[in-house]
Amino acid sequence: MKTKRKINSFFPLLALSLLLIPFVATQLTPEVNWSILDFIVMGALLLSFSYGVFFIIQFAKRKWFKYGLIVLLFVMLLLVWVELAVGLFSV
């Protein structure tokens, strides 16, 4: 049980620590201009992705099925990120 709790807290910490990169870049350079809403949306995306990977690892039985679902989830994350960033698929 203790190992699951450590893993369960590791994924959100990793996801939120990735937000430090644009935060530092926003402070240092004018090229990166993130608002608080950008941080909230990206934090929600990263947290949902990390919990999705956690649940896939916990509940998927076969190794190839786990990897396939994680790749699918990652592709979905990238598509949403690209759409929010530049509106590539805007209708």
Foldseek 3Di string as FASTA:
>chain_A
DVVLVVLVVVQLVVQLVVLVVLVVVCVPDVVRPDDVVNSVVSSVLSVVLSVQLVVLVVPPDDPVVSVVSNVVSVVVSVVVVVCVPPNPPPD
